[in-house]
Amino acid sequence: MEREESVKGGNATHGKEASIEIMKQALMLHPPVLRKLVAKVPLKDQTWTNILKHSFFKSDETKIPSLDHLISIYVERSYLVWRLPDLQKLLRDAATLVIETRQK
């Protein structure tokens, strides 16, 4: 039974790491989503201010009107989900990883 619990715990850890990695990839592909989500949710913690100061997350536009429109639709339709503390932590951890990756 202990072995089953440890395996389940290991899968949970792996699942969390995979989720953070996928979120990191999404933020690297679409950085303007973060600024728009932070504004819409709203997330006012000092951590978010520091993350948004990074040059990678400075812009809230992609310069591609159709993509900007899709991002706006996504944010408008999903911002309530991002009010959940666990998802905010996932987003914050992924954004921090993006910054660390960009600084290497």
N, C-alpha and C. Protein backbone atom coordinates (compact mmCIF):
# COMPACT_ATOMS: atom_id res chain seq x y z
N MET A 1 0.81 -1.19 0.00
CA MET A 1 0.00 0.00 0.00
C MET A 1 0.87 1.26 0.00
N GLU A 2 1.95 1.24 0.78
CA GLU A 2 2.85 2.40 0.79
C GLU A 2 3.44 2.62 -0.59
N ARG A 3 3.76 1.53 -1.25
CA ARG A 3 4.33 1.64 -2.60
C ARG A 3 3.34 2.30 -3.55
N GLU A 4 2.05 1.94 -3.45
CA GLU A 4 1.03 2.55 -4.30
C GLU A 4 0.95 4.04 -4.06
N GLU A 5 1.00 4.44 -2.77
CA GLU A 5 0.93 5.87 -2.45
C GLU A 5 2.14 6.61 -3.01
N SER A 6 3.31 5.98 -2.90
CA SER A 6 4.50 6.65 -3.41
C SER A 6 4.46 6.76 -4.93
N VAL A 7 3.93 5.75 -5.60
CA VAL A 7 3.79 5.81 -7.05
C VAL A 7 2.79 6.90 -7.43
N LYS A 8 1.67 6.95 -6.73
CA LYS A 8 0.67 8.00 -7.01
C LYS A 8 1.27 9.38 -6.78
N GLY A 9 2.03 9.54 -5.69
CA GLY A 9 2.67 10.82 -5.41
C GLY A 9 3.66 11.20 -6.49
N GLY A 10 4.40 10.19 -6.98
CA GLY A 10 5.35 10.43 -8.06
C GLY A 10 4.66 10.85 -9.34
N ASN A 11 3.52 10.24 -9.64
CA ASN A 11 2.76 10.61 -10.83
C ASN A 11 2.21 12.02 -10.70
N ALA A 12 1.80 12.38 -9.49
CA ALA A 12 1.28 13.74 -9.28
C ALA A 12 2.38 14.77 -9.50
N THR A 13 3.58 14.45 -9.00
CA THR A 13 4.71 15.36 -9.20
C THR A 13 5.05 15.48 -10.67
N HIS A 14 5.07 14.35 -11.36
CA HIS A 14 5.36 14.36 -12.79
C HIS A 14 4.28 15.13 -13.56
N GLY A 15 3.04 14.94 -13.18
CA GLY A 15 1.93 15.64 -13.83
C GLY A 15 2.03 17.14 -13.63
N LYS A 16 2.42 17.55 -12.43
CA LYS A 16 2.57 18.99 -12.15
C LYS A 16 3.73 19.57 -12.97
N GLU A 17 4.84 18.85 -13.02
CA GLU A 17 5.99 19.31 -13.81
C GLU A 17 5.62 19.41 -15.29
N ALA A 18 4.87 18.43 -15.77
CA ALA A 18 4.45 18.45 -17.17
C ALA A 18 3.52 19.63 -17.43
N SER A 19 2.63 19.91 -16.49
CA SER A 19 1.71 21.05 -16.64
C SER A 19 2.46 22.37 -16.69
N ILE A 20 3.45 22.51 -15.82
CA ILE A 20 4.24 23.74 -15.80
C ILE A 20 5.01 23.88 -17.11
N GLU A 21 5.56 22.78 -17.61
CA GLU A 21 6.31 22.82 -18.87
C GLU A 21 5.41 23.21 -20.04
N ILE A 22 4.22 22.64 -20.09
CA ILE A 22 3.28 22.98 -21.16
C ILE A 22 2.85 24.44 -21.07
N MET A 23 2.60 24.92 -19.85
CA MET A 23 2.23 26.33 -19.66
C MET A 23 3.39 27.24 -20.06
N LYS A 24 4.60 26.83 -19.74
CA LYS A 24 5.78 27.61 -20.13
C LYS A 24 5.85 27.72 -21.65
N GLN A 25 5.65 26.60 -22.34
CA GLN A 25 5.67 26.61 -23.80
C GLN A 25 4.59 27.54 -24.37
N ALA A 26 3.40 27.48 -23.76
CA ALA A 26 2.31 28.35 -24.23
C ALA A 26 2.65 29.81 -24.03
N LEU A 27 3.24 30.14 -22.89
CA LEU A 27 3.62 31.54 -22.63
C LEU A 27 4.73 31.99 -23.57
N MET A 28 5.63 31.09 -23.90
CA MET A 28 6.70 31.47 -24.83
C MET A 28 6.16 31.71 -26.23
N LEU A 29 5.12 30.97 -26.60
CA LEU A 29 4.50 31.18 -27.91
C LEU A 29 3.60 32.42 -27.95
N HIS A 30 2.95 32.69 -26.83
CA HIS A 30 1.96 33.78 -26.79
C HIS A 30 2.12 34.64 -25.53
N PRO A 31 3.23 35.35 -25.41
CA PRO A 31 3.47 36.14 -24.19
C PRO A 31 2.41 37.22 -23.91
N PRO A 32 1.76 37.81 -24.90
CA PRO A 32 0.76 38.84 -24.58
C PRO A 32 -0.42 38.32 -23.76
N VAL A 33 -0.66 37.02 -23.79
CA VAL A 33 -1.76 36.46 -23.01
C VAL A 33 -1.56 36.75 -21.52
N LEU A 34 -0.33 36.66 -21.06
CA LEU A 34 -0.06 36.85 -19.63
C LEU A 34 -0.46 38.25 -19.17
N ARG A 35 -0.02 39.26 -19.89
CA ARG A 35 -0.35 40.64 -19.50
C ARG A 35 -1.86 40.86 -19.49
N LYS A 36 -2.54 40.34 -20.48
CA LYS A 36 -3.99 40.52 -20.55
C LYS A 36 -4.71 39.76 -19.43
N LEU A 37 -4.24 38.55 -19.12
CA LEU A 37 -4.84 37.79 -18.02
C LEU A 37 -4.62 38.48 -16.68
N VAL A 38 -3.41 38.95 -16.45
CA VAL A 38 -3.10 39.62 -15.19
C VAL A 38 -3.99 40.85 -15.01
N ALA A 39 -4.24 41.57 -16.08
CA ALA A 39 -5.10 42.76 -16.01
C ALA A 39 -6.57 42.38 -15.80
N LYS A 40 -7.02 41.33 -16.45
CA LYS A 40 -8.44 40.97 -16.43
C LYS A 40 -8.84 40.25 -15.14
N VAL A 41 -7.97 39.42 -14.57
CA VAL A 41 -8.37 38.57 -13.44
C VAL A 41 -8.81 39.37 -12.21
N PRO A 42 -8.30 40.38 -11.72
CA PRO A 42 -6.95 40.96 -11.80
C PRO A 42 -6.02 40.33 -10.77
N LEU A 43 -4.74 40.29 -11.12
CA LEU A 43 -3.70 39.80 -10.23
C LEU A 43 -2.83 40.98 -9.86
N LYS A 44 -2.87 41.37 -8.59
CA LYS A 44 -2.20 42.61 -8.18
C LYS A 44 -1.01 42.39 -7.26
N ASP A 45 -0.64 41.15 -7.06
CA ASP A 45 0.50 40.80 -6.22
C ASP A 45 1.78 41.42 -6.80
N GLN A 46 2.72 41.76 -5.94
CA GLN A 46 3.99 42.35 -6.38
C GLN A 46 4.75 41.41 -7.32
N THR A 47 4.58 40.11 -7.12
CA THR A 47 5.24 39.13 -7.98
C THR A 47 4.84 39.34 -9.43
N TRP A 48 3.55 39.57 -9.67
CA TRP A 48 3.06 39.78 -11.04
C TRP A 48 3.63 41.06 -11.63
N THR A 49 3.74 42.08 -10.82
CA THR A 49 4.33 43.34 -11.29
C THR A 49 5.76 43.09 -11.76
N ASN A 50 6.51 42.34 -10.97
CA ASN A 50 7.89 42.04 -11.34
C ASN A 50 7.97 41.19 -12.60
N ILE A 51 7.10 40.22 -12.72
CA ILE A 51 7.09 39.37 -13.92
C ILE A 51 6.79 40.21 -15.16
N LEU A 52 5.79 41.09 -15.06
CA LEU A 52 5.38 41.88 -16.22
C LEU A 52 6.40 42.96 -16.59
N LYS A 53 7.32 43.26 -15.69
CA LYS A 53 8.38 44.23 -15.99
C LYS A 53 9.43 43.63 -16.93
N HIS A 54 9.48 42.30 -16.98
CA HIS A 54 10.47 41.65 -17.85
C HIS A 54 10.16 41.99 -19.31
N SER A 55 11.17 42.20 -20.09
CA SER A 55 11.00 42.64 -21.48
C SER A 55 10.19 41.65 -22.31
N PHE A 56 10.25 40.37 -21.99
CA PHE A 56 9.52 39.38 -22.76
C PHE A 56 8.01 39.54 -22.62
N PHE A 57 7.56 40.04 -21.48
CA PHE A 57 6.13 40.19 -21.23
C PHE A 57 5.66 41.64 -21.31
N LYS A 58 6.48 42.52 -21.87
CA LYS A 58 6.13 43.95 -21.94
C LYS A 58 4.92 44.24 -22.82
N SER A 59 4.81 43.56 -23.93
CA SER A 59 3.78 43.89 -24.91
C SER A 59 2.48 43.14 -24.63
N ASP A 60 1.38 43.80 -24.96
CA ASP A 60 0.09 43.10 -24.87
C ASP A 60 -0.50 42.91 -26.26
N GLU A 61 0.34 43.07 -27.29
CA GLU A 61 -0.08 42.86 -28.67
C GLU A 61 0.95 42.04 -29.41
N THR A 62 0.48 41.30 -30.41
CA THR A 62 1.38 40.50 -31.23
C THR A 62 1.70 41.18 -32.56
N LYS A 63 0.98 42.21 -32.89
CA LYS A 63 1.07 42.90 -34.18
C LYS A 63 0.40 42.09 -35.31
N ILE A 64 -0.30 41.03 -34.94
CA ILE A 64 -1.08 40.23 -35.89
C ILE A 64 -2.53 40.37 -35.44
N PRO A 65 -3.31 41.19 -36.14
CA PRO A 65 -4.67 41.49 -35.67
C PRO A 65 -5.54 40.27 -35.37
N SER A 66 -5.49 39.26 -36.20
CA SER A 66 -6.34 38.09 -35.96
C SER A 66 -5.91 37.34 -34.70
N LEU A 67 -4.60 37.24 -34.46
CA LEU A 67 -4.11 36.58 -33.25
C LEU A 67 -4.44 37.41 -32.02
N ASP A 68 -4.29 38.72 -32.11
CA ASP A 68 -4.66 39.59 -30.99
C ASP A 68 -6.14 39.44 -30.66
N HIS A 69 -6.96 39.31 -31.68
CA HIS A 69 -8.39 39.13 -31.47
C HIS A 69 -8.67 37.79 -30.77
N LEU A 70 -8.01 36.73 -31.21
CA LEU A 70 -8.18 35.42 -30.57
C LEU A 70 -7.72 35.44 -29.11
N ILE A 71 -6.63 36.13 -28.85
CA ILE A 71 -6.14 36.24 -27.47
C ILE A 71 -7.16 36.98 -26.61
N SER A 72 -7.72 38.04 -27.14
CA SER A 72 -8.73 38.80 -26.40
C SER A 72 -9.96 37.94 -26.10
N ILE A 73 -10.38 37.16 -27.08
CA ILE A 73 -11.52 36.25 -26.88
C ILE A 73 -11.19 35.23 -25.80
N TYR A 74 -9.99 34.64 -25.88
CA TYR A 74 -9.58 33.65 -24.88
C TYR A 74 -9.61 34.24 -23.47
N VAL A 75 -9.02 35.40 -23.32
CA VAL A 75 -8.96 36.04 -22.00
C VAL A 75 -10.36 36.35 -21.48
N GLU A 76 -11.19 36.89 -22.33
CA GLU A 76 -12.55 37.23 -21.93
C GLU A 76 -13.36 36.00 -21.51
N ARG A 77 -13.16 34.90 -22.21
CA ARG A 77 -13.94 33.70 -21.93
C ARG A 77 -13.38 32.87 -20.78
N SER A 78 -12.10 33.02 -20.44
CA SER A 78 -11.50 32.11 -19.46
C SER A 78 -10.96 32.77 -18.20
N TYR A 79 -11.07 34.08 -18.08
CA TYR A 79 -10.40 34.75 -16.96
C TYR A 79 -10.90 34.29 -15.59
N LEU A 80 -12.15 33.86 -15.49
CA LEU A 80 -12.67 33.41 -14.20
C LEU A 80 -11.93 32.16 -13.70
N VAL A 81 -11.53 31.29 -14.60
CA VAL A 81 -10.79 30.09 -14.23
C VAL A 81 -9.46 30.47 -13.58
N TRP A 82 -8.85 31.53 -14.08
CA TRP A 82 -7.53 31.94 -13.60
C TRP A 82 -7.59 32.62 -12.23
N ARG A 83 -8.76 32.77 -11.67
CA ARG A 83 -8.88 33.29 -10.30
C ARG A 83 -8.60 32.22 -9.25
N LEU A 84 -8.57 30.97 -9.66
CA LEU A 84 -8.28 29.87 -8.72
C LEU A 84 -6.81 29.93 -8.31
N PRO A 85 -6.53 29.89 -7.01
CA PRO A 85 -5.14 30.02 -6.53
C PRO A 85 -4.19 28.99 -7.12
N ASP A 86 -4.63 27.75 -7.30
CA ASP A 86 -3.74 26.72 -7.86
C ASP A 86 -3.34 27.06 -9.29
N LEU A 87 -4.27 27.59 -10.07
CA LEU A 87 -3.95 27.95 -11.45
C LEU A 87 -3.09 29.20 -11.51
N GLN A 88 -3.30 30.12 -10.57
CA GLN A 88 -2.44 31.30 -10.51
C GLN A 88 -1.00 30.90 -10.21
N LYS A 89 -0.84 29.93 -9.30
CA LYS A 89 0.50 29.44 -8.97
C LYS A 89 1.13 28.77 -10.19
N LEU A 90 0.36 27.97 -10.91
CA LEU A 90 0.86 27.33 -12.13
C LEU A 90 1.32 28.39 -13.13
N LEU A 91 0.51 29.40 -13.34
CA LEU A 91 0.84 30.47 -14.27
C LEU A 91 2.07 31.24 -13.82
N ARG A 92 2.13 31.55 -12.52
CA ARG A 92 3.29 32.28 -11.97
C ARG A 92 4.57 31.46 -12.11
N ASP A 93 4.50 30.17 -11.77
CA ASP A 93 5.68 29.31 -11.88
C ASP A 93 6.16 29.21 -13.33
N ALA A 94 5.22 29.06 -14.25
CA ALA A 94 5.58 28.96 -15.66
C ALA A 94 6.18 30.27 -16.17
N ALA A 95 5.60 31.39 -15.78
CA ALA A 95 6.13 32.69 -16.21
C ALA A 95 7.54 32.90 -15.66
N THR A 96 7.76 32.49 -14.43
CA THR A 96 9.08 32.59 -13.83
C THR A 96 10.08 31.73 -14.59
N LEU A 97 9.67 30.54 -14.98
CA LEU A 97 10.54 29.67 -15.78
C LEU A 97 10.86 30.27 -17.14
N VAL A 98 9.88 30.92 -17.75
CA VAL A 98 10.12 31.59 -19.03
C VAL A 98 11.21 32.65 -18.86
N ILE A 99 11.09 33.44 -17.82
CA ILE A 99 12.09 34.49 -17.57
C ILE A 99 13.46 33.88 -17.34
N GLU A 100 13.52 32.83 -16.53
CA GLU A 100 14.80 32.16 -16.27
C GLU A 100 15.40 31.60 -17.56
N THR A 101 14.56 31.03 -18.40
CA THR A 101 15.04 30.46 -19.67
C THR A 101 15.56 31.57 -20.58
N ARG A 102 14.87 32.68 -20.62
CA ARG A 102 15.28 33.80 -21.48
C ARG A 102 16.58 34.44 -21.00
N GLN A 103 16.87 34.36 -19.71
CA GLN A 103 18.07 34.98 -19.18
C GLN A 103 19.31 34.11 -19.34
N LYS A 104 19.12 32.85 -19.72
CA LYS A 104 20.27 31.94 -19.90
C LYS A 104 20.98 32.23 -21.19
